[in-house]
Amino acid sequence: MAWERRRENWYYYRPQWIQGRVVKVYVGRGPEAEAAAREDAARRAERAARRQAAAVDRLREEPAGDLMAELDNQVKAMLRTALVAAGFHQHARGQWRRRRNVKERETAK
C-alpha cells in the first residue's frame, strides 16, 4: 500500500498489523506524507539489502555445507561398520543394540 488517488487528490496510506490483520492507516497528503513515503521506501530498501546479503552468505557457505554432509555420511558409514563388526544391530532403524547370543553363534561356526 502507498499512494492512493481519491478523486483528484493523492493520499498516502501505511500498512499496519492490527489484531492479526493488515489495515491501511491514513498518513496524509502533504509534506508529512511525502516524508513518510520516503521513510518507508528507505526501510524497504534496507530490508532488501539485508535479504540480498543473507543470500550471498548462504551461497558462500553452501560448499562448506556440502563438504560437511559428505563427511557426516562417511563417519556414519564407518560407525555402522564398526558397530556391526562389534556385534551390534540397529533396532527399528533407531537404537543400536548388542545381538543376543553373539558368543554362541561365533563358537558354532
N, C-alpha and C. Protein backbone atom coordinates (compact mmCIF):
# COMPACT_ATOMS: atom_id res chain seq x y z
N MET A 1 0.85 -1.17 0.00
CA MET A 1 0.00 0.00 0.00
C MET A 1 0.89 1.23 0.00
N ALA A 2 0.39 2.27 -0.59
CA ALA A 2 1.16 3.50 -0.62
C ALA A 2 0.22 4.64 -1.00
N TRP A 3 0.59 5.30 -2.06
CA TRP A 3 -0.22 6.43 -2.51
C TRP A 3 -1.48 5.92 -3.18
N GLU A 4 -2.59 6.52 -2.82
CA GLU A 4 -3.87 6.19 -3.45
C GLU A 4 -4.52 7.47 -3.93
N ARG A 5 -5.11 7.34 -5.09
CA ARG A 5 -5.80 8.51 -5.64
C ARG A 5 -7.28 8.44 -5.29
N ARG A 6 -7.78 9.49 -4.67
CA ARG A 6 -9.19 9.61 -4.34
C ARG A 6 -9.68 10.89 -5.00
N ARG A 7 -10.51 10.72 -5.99
CA ARG A 7 -10.98 11.82 -6.84
C ARG A 7 -9.78 12.48 -7.50
N GLU A 8 -9.44 13.70 -7.14
CA GLU A 8 -8.32 14.36 -7.82
C GLU A 8 -7.09 14.49 -6.93
N ASN A 9 -7.13 13.97 -5.73
CA ASN A 9 -6.02 14.11 -4.79
C ASN A 9 -5.35 12.76 -4.50
N TRP A 10 -4.07 12.85 -4.16
CA TRP A 10 -3.32 11.67 -3.78
C TRP A 10 -3.13 11.66 -2.27
N TYR A 11 -3.34 10.48 -1.64
CA TYR A 11 -3.22 10.32 -0.20
C TYR A 11 -2.29 9.14 0.08
N TYR A 12 -1.52 9.27 1.13
CA TYR A 12 -0.58 8.20 1.48
C TYR A 12 -1.14 7.38 2.64
N TYR A 13 -1.13 6.06 2.46
CA TYR A 13 -1.57 5.12 3.49
C TYR A 13 -0.40 4.19 3.81
N ARG A 14 -0.29 3.83 5.06
CA ARG A 14 0.79 2.94 5.51
C ARG A 14 0.14 1.66 6.03
N PRO A 15 0.65 0.49 5.58
CA PRO A 15 0.08 -0.77 6.10
C PRO A 15 0.54 -1.00 7.54
N GLN A 16 -0.34 -1.55 8.35
CA GLN A 16 0.00 -1.81 9.74
C GLN A 16 -0.78 -3.03 10.22
N TRP A 17 -0.11 -3.88 11.01
CA TRP A 17 -0.77 -5.05 11.57
C TRP A 17 -1.56 -4.62 12.80
N ILE A 18 -2.86 -4.87 12.78
CA ILE A 18 -3.71 -4.58 13.92
C ILE A 18 -4.60 -5.79 14.15
N GLN A 19 -4.48 -6.39 15.31
CA GLN A 19 -5.26 -7.56 15.70
C GLN A 19 -5.18 -8.68 14.68
N GLY A 20 -3.96 -8.96 14.21
CA GLY A 20 -3.73 -10.10 13.33
C GLY A 20 -4.06 -9.91 11.87
N ARG A 21 -4.32 -8.69 11.44
CA ARG A 21 -4.56 -8.47 10.02
C ARG A 21 -3.98 -7.12 9.61
N VAL A 22 -3.76 -6.97 8.32
CA VAL A 22 -3.17 -5.74 7.80
C VAL A 22 -4.28 -4.72 7.56
N VAL A 23 -4.05 -3.51 8.07
CA VAL A 23 -5.02 -2.43 7.95
C VAL A 23 -4.31 -1.22 7.37
N LYS A 24 -4.98 -0.48 6.49
CA LYS A 24 -4.41 0.76 5.95
C LYS A 24 -4.60 1.86 6.98
N VAL A 25 -3.48 2.52 7.30
CA VAL A 25 -3.53 3.62 8.25
C VAL A 25 -3.25 4.91 7.47
N TYR A 26 -4.14 5.84 7.58
CA TYR A 26 -4.03 7.09 6.85
C TYR A 26 -2.87 7.91 7.41
N VAL A 27 -1.99 8.39 6.50
CA VAL A 27 -0.86 9.23 6.90
C VAL A 27 -1.12 10.68 6.52
N GLY A 28 -1.55 10.90 5.30
CA GLY A 28 -1.84 12.27 4.89
C GLY A 28 -1.60 12.48 3.42
N ARG A 29 -1.45 13.78 3.04
CA ARG A 29 -1.23 14.05 1.62
C ARG A 29 -0.29 15.22 1.39
N GLY A 30 0.33 15.73 2.37
CA GLY A 30 1.23 16.86 2.19
C GLY A 30 2.68 16.45 2.37
N PRO A 31 3.50 17.38 2.83
CA PRO A 31 4.92 17.09 3.05
C PRO A 31 5.14 15.98 4.07
N GLU A 32 4.24 15.87 5.07
CA GLU A 32 4.36 14.79 6.05
C GLU A 32 4.21 13.43 5.38
N ALA A 33 3.27 13.34 4.47
CA ALA A 33 3.03 12.09 3.76
C ALA A 33 4.22 11.76 2.86
N GLU A 34 4.78 12.76 2.19
CA GLU A 34 5.94 12.51 1.34
C GLU A 34 7.13 12.05 2.17
N ALA A 35 7.33 12.64 3.36
CA ALA A 35 8.41 12.21 4.25
C ALA A 35 8.19 10.77 4.71
N ALA A 36 6.94 10.43 5.04
CA ALA A 36 6.62 9.07 5.46
C ALA A 36 6.85 8.08 4.33
N ALA A 37 6.52 8.49 3.10
CA ALA A 37 6.74 7.62 1.94
C ALA A 37 8.23 7.39 1.72
N ARG A 38 9.04 8.45 1.86
CA ARG A 38 10.49 8.29 1.72
C ARG A 38 11.05 7.38 2.80
N GLU A 39 10.55 7.55 4.03
CA GLU A 39 10.99 6.72 5.15
C GLU A 39 10.65 5.25 4.89
N ASP A 40 9.43 5.00 4.43
CA ASP A 40 9.02 3.62 4.13
C ASP A 40 9.86 3.03 3.00
N ALA A 41 10.14 3.83 1.98
CA ALA A 41 10.96 3.34 0.86
C ALA A 41 12.37 3.01 1.33
N ALA A 42 12.93 3.86 2.20
CA ALA A 42 14.27 3.59 2.73
C ALA A 42 14.27 2.31 3.57
N ARG A 43 13.23 2.11 4.36
CA ARG A 43 13.12 0.89 5.18
C ARG A 43 13.02 -0.35 4.30
N ARG A 44 12.23 -0.26 3.21
CA ARG A 44 12.10 -1.39 2.29
C ARG A 44 13.43 -1.68 1.61
N ALA A 45 14.15 -0.62 1.21
CA ALA A 45 15.45 -0.82 0.56
C ALA A 45 16.44 -1.46 1.53
N GLU A 46 16.41 -1.06 2.79
CA GLU A 46 17.32 -1.64 3.79
C GLU A 46 17.01 -3.13 3.99
N ARG A 47 15.72 -3.48 4.07
CA ARG A 47 15.34 -4.89 4.22
C ARG A 47 15.77 -5.70 3.00
N ALA A 48 15.61 -5.13 1.81
CA ALA A 48 16.02 -5.83 0.59
C ALA A 48 17.53 -6.04 0.57
N ALA A 49 18.29 -5.05 1.02
CA ALA A 49 19.75 -5.19 1.07
C ALA A 49 20.15 -6.28 2.06
N ARG A 50 19.46 -6.34 3.22
CA ARG A 50 19.77 -7.38 4.20
C ARG A 50 19.44 -8.77 3.65
N ARG A 51 18.31 -8.88 2.93
CA ARG A 51 17.95 -10.17 2.33
C ARG A 51 18.99 -10.59 1.31
N GLN A 52 19.45 -9.63 0.49
CA GLN A 52 20.45 -9.95 -0.53
C GLN A 52 21.77 -10.36 0.12
N ALA A 53 22.17 -9.67 1.19
CA ALA A 53 23.41 -10.03 1.89
C ALA A 53 23.30 -11.43 2.49
N ALA A 54 22.14 -11.76 3.03
CA ALA A 54 21.93 -13.09 3.60
C ALA A 54 22.00 -14.16 2.51
N ALA A 55 21.46 -13.86 1.33
CA ALA A 55 21.52 -14.81 0.22
C ALA A 55 22.96 -15.03 -0.22
N VAL A 56 23.74 -13.97 -0.25
CA VAL A 56 25.16 -14.09 -0.63
C VAL A 56 25.89 -14.94 0.41
N ASP A 57 25.60 -14.73 1.69
CA ASP A 57 26.23 -15.52 2.74
C ASP A 57 25.87 -17.00 2.60
N ARG A 58 24.59 -17.29 2.31
CA ARG A 58 24.18 -18.68 2.13
C ARG A 58 24.93 -19.32 0.96
N LEU A 59 25.08 -18.58 -0.15
CA LEU A 59 25.81 -19.12 -1.30
C LEU A 59 27.27 -19.35 -0.96
N ARG A 60 27.84 -18.48 -0.15
CA ARG A 60 29.24 -18.61 0.24
C ARG A 60 29.44 -19.82 1.15
N GLU A 61 28.44 -20.12 2.00
CA GLU A 61 28.55 -21.22 2.94
C GLU A 61 28.12 -22.56 2.35
N GLU A 62 27.50 -22.55 1.20
CA GLU A 62 26.97 -23.78 0.61
C GLU A 62 28.04 -24.84 0.36
N PRO A 63 29.21 -24.51 -0.22
CA PRO A 63 30.22 -25.55 -0.42
C PRO A 63 30.67 -26.19 0.90
N ALA A 64 30.79 -25.41 1.96
CA ALA A 64 31.18 -25.96 3.25
C ALA A 64 30.10 -26.91 3.77
N GLY A 65 28.85 -26.56 3.54
CA GLY A 65 27.76 -27.43 3.95
C GLY A 65 27.78 -28.75 3.20
N ASP A 66 28.09 -28.71 1.91
CA ASP A 66 28.19 -29.93 1.12
C ASP A 66 29.32 -30.82 1.64
N LEU A 67 30.46 -30.20 1.96
CA LEU A 67 31.59 -30.96 2.49
C LEU A 67 31.24 -31.58 3.84
N MET A 68 30.55 -30.82 4.68
CA MET A 68 30.16 -31.35 5.99
C MET A 68 29.18 -32.51 5.85
N ALA A 69 28.26 -32.42 4.89
CA ALA A 69 27.31 -33.51 4.67
C ALA A 69 28.04 -34.76 4.19
N GLU A 70 29.01 -34.58 3.31
CA GLU A 70 29.79 -35.72 2.83
C GLU A 70 30.58 -36.35 3.98
N LEU A 71 31.22 -35.53 4.81
CA LEU A 71 31.97 -36.03 5.96
C LEU A 71 31.03 -36.76 6.92
N ASP A 72 29.84 -36.21 7.16
CA ASP A 72 28.87 -36.84 8.04
C ASP A 72 28.48 -38.22 7.52
N ASN A 73 28.23 -38.33 6.22
CA ASN A 73 27.87 -39.63 5.64
C ASN A 73 29.00 -40.64 5.79
N GLN A 74 30.24 -40.20 5.58
CA GLN A 74 31.39 -41.11 5.71
C GLN A 74 31.56 -41.57 7.15
N VAL A 75 31.42 -40.65 8.10
CA VAL A 75 31.54 -41.02 9.52
C VAL A 75 30.45 -41.99 9.91
N LYS A 76 29.22 -41.77 9.45
CA LYS A 76 28.12 -42.68 9.77
C LYS A 76 28.38 -44.07 9.20
N ALA A 77 28.93 -44.14 7.98
CA ALA A 77 29.24 -45.43 7.37
C ALA A 77 30.32 -46.16 8.17
N MET A 78 31.36 -45.43 8.60
CA MET A 78 32.42 -46.04 9.39
C MET A 78 31.89 -46.51 10.75
N LEU A 79 31.03 -45.71 11.37
CA LEU A 79 30.45 -46.08 12.66
C LEU A 79 29.58 -47.32 12.51
N ARG A 80 28.77 -47.36 11.47
CA ARG A 80 27.92 -48.53 11.22
C ARG A 80 28.77 -49.79 11.05
N THR A 81 29.84 -49.68 10.29
CA THR A 81 30.72 -50.82 10.07
C THR A 81 31.34 -51.29 11.38
N ALA A 82 31.81 -50.35 12.20
CA ALA A 82 32.43 -50.71 13.47
C ALA A 82 31.42 -51.36 14.41
N LEU A 83 30.21 -50.84 14.47
CA LEU A 83 29.21 -51.40 15.36
C LEU A 83 28.78 -52.79 14.92
N VAL A 84 28.60 -53.01 13.63
CA VAL A 84 28.22 -54.33 13.13
C VAL A 84 29.34 -55.32 13.41
N ALA A 85 30.59 -54.89 13.22
CA ALA A 85 31.73 -55.77 13.49
C ALA A 85 31.82 -56.12 14.98
N ALA A 86 31.35 -55.23 15.85
CA ALA A 86 31.40 -55.46 17.29
C ALA A 86 30.20 -56.27 17.77
N GLY A 87 29.30 -56.65 16.87
CA GLY A 87 28.18 -57.50 17.24
C GLY A 87 26.89 -56.75 17.56
N PHE A 88 26.75 -55.55 17.07
CA PHE A 88 25.54 -54.77 17.31
C PHE A 88 24.65 -54.79 16.07
N HIS A 89 23.37 -54.49 16.25
CA HIS A 89 22.45 -54.31 15.13
C HIS A 89 21.59 -53.09 15.44
N GLN A 90 20.99 -52.53 14.40
CA GLN A 90 20.17 -51.35 14.59
C GLN A 90 18.72 -51.79 14.71
N HIS A 91 18.14 -51.51 15.87
CA HIS A 91 16.78 -51.93 16.16
C HIS A 91 15.80 -50.91 15.61
N ALA A 92 14.91 -51.33 14.72
CA ALA A 92 13.84 -50.49 14.16
C ALA A 92 14.39 -49.17 13.62
N ARG A 93 15.49 -49.21 12.92
CA ARG A 93 16.15 -48.03 12.32
C ARG A 93 16.45 -46.95 13.35
N GLY A 94 16.66 -47.32 14.58
CA GLY A 94 16.90 -46.34 15.62
C GLY A 94 18.09 -46.71 16.48
N GLN A 95 17.82 -47.30 17.65
CA GLN A 95 18.86 -47.63 18.61
C GLN A 95 19.76 -48.74 18.10
N TRP A 96 21.00 -48.69 18.55
CA TRP A 96 21.93 -49.79 18.29
C TRP A 96 21.90 -50.69 19.51
N ARG A 97 21.72 -51.99 19.29
CA ARG A 97 21.67 -52.95 20.39
C ARG A 97 22.62 -54.11 20.10
N ARG A 98 23.17 -54.65 21.19
CA ARG A 98 24.05 -55.81 21.05
C ARG A 98 23.18 -57.03 20.73
N ARG A 99 23.64 -57.82 19.77
CA ARG A 99 22.89 -59.02 19.42
C ARG A 99 22.97 -60.03 20.56
N ARG A 100 21.89 -60.76 20.73
CA ARG A 100 21.88 -61.80 21.75
C ARG A 100 22.66 -63.01 21.27
N ASN A 101 23.25 -63.68 22.18
CA ASN A 101 23.94 -64.94 21.91
C ASN A 101 25.01 -64.79 20.83
N VAL A 102 25.73 -63.71 20.85
CA VAL A 102 26.78 -63.50 19.85
C VAL A 102 27.88 -64.52 20.03
N LYS A 103 28.27 -64.82 21.27
CA LYS A 103 29.35 -65.76 21.53
C LYS A 103 28.95 -67.17 21.11
N GLU A 104 27.69 -67.53 21.34
CA GLU A 104 27.23 -68.86 20.94
C GLU A 104 27.27 -69.02 19.44
N ARG A 105 26.91 -68.00 18.69
CA ARG A 105 26.94 -68.06 17.22
C ARG A 105 28.37 -68.16 16.72
N GLU A 106 29.28 -67.41 17.36
CA GLU A 106 30.67 -67.45 16.91
C GLU A 106 31.30 -68.82 17.18
N THR A 107 30.99 -69.45 18.28
CA THR A 107 31.56 -70.75 18.59
C THR A 107 30.93 -71.86 17.73
N ALA A 108 29.70 -71.64 17.28
CA ALA A 108 29.02 -72.62 16.45
C ALA A 108 29.60 -72.65 15.04
N LYS A 109 30.22 -71.59 14.61
CA LYS A 109 30.76 -71.53 13.23
C LYS A 109 31.96 -72.34 13.08
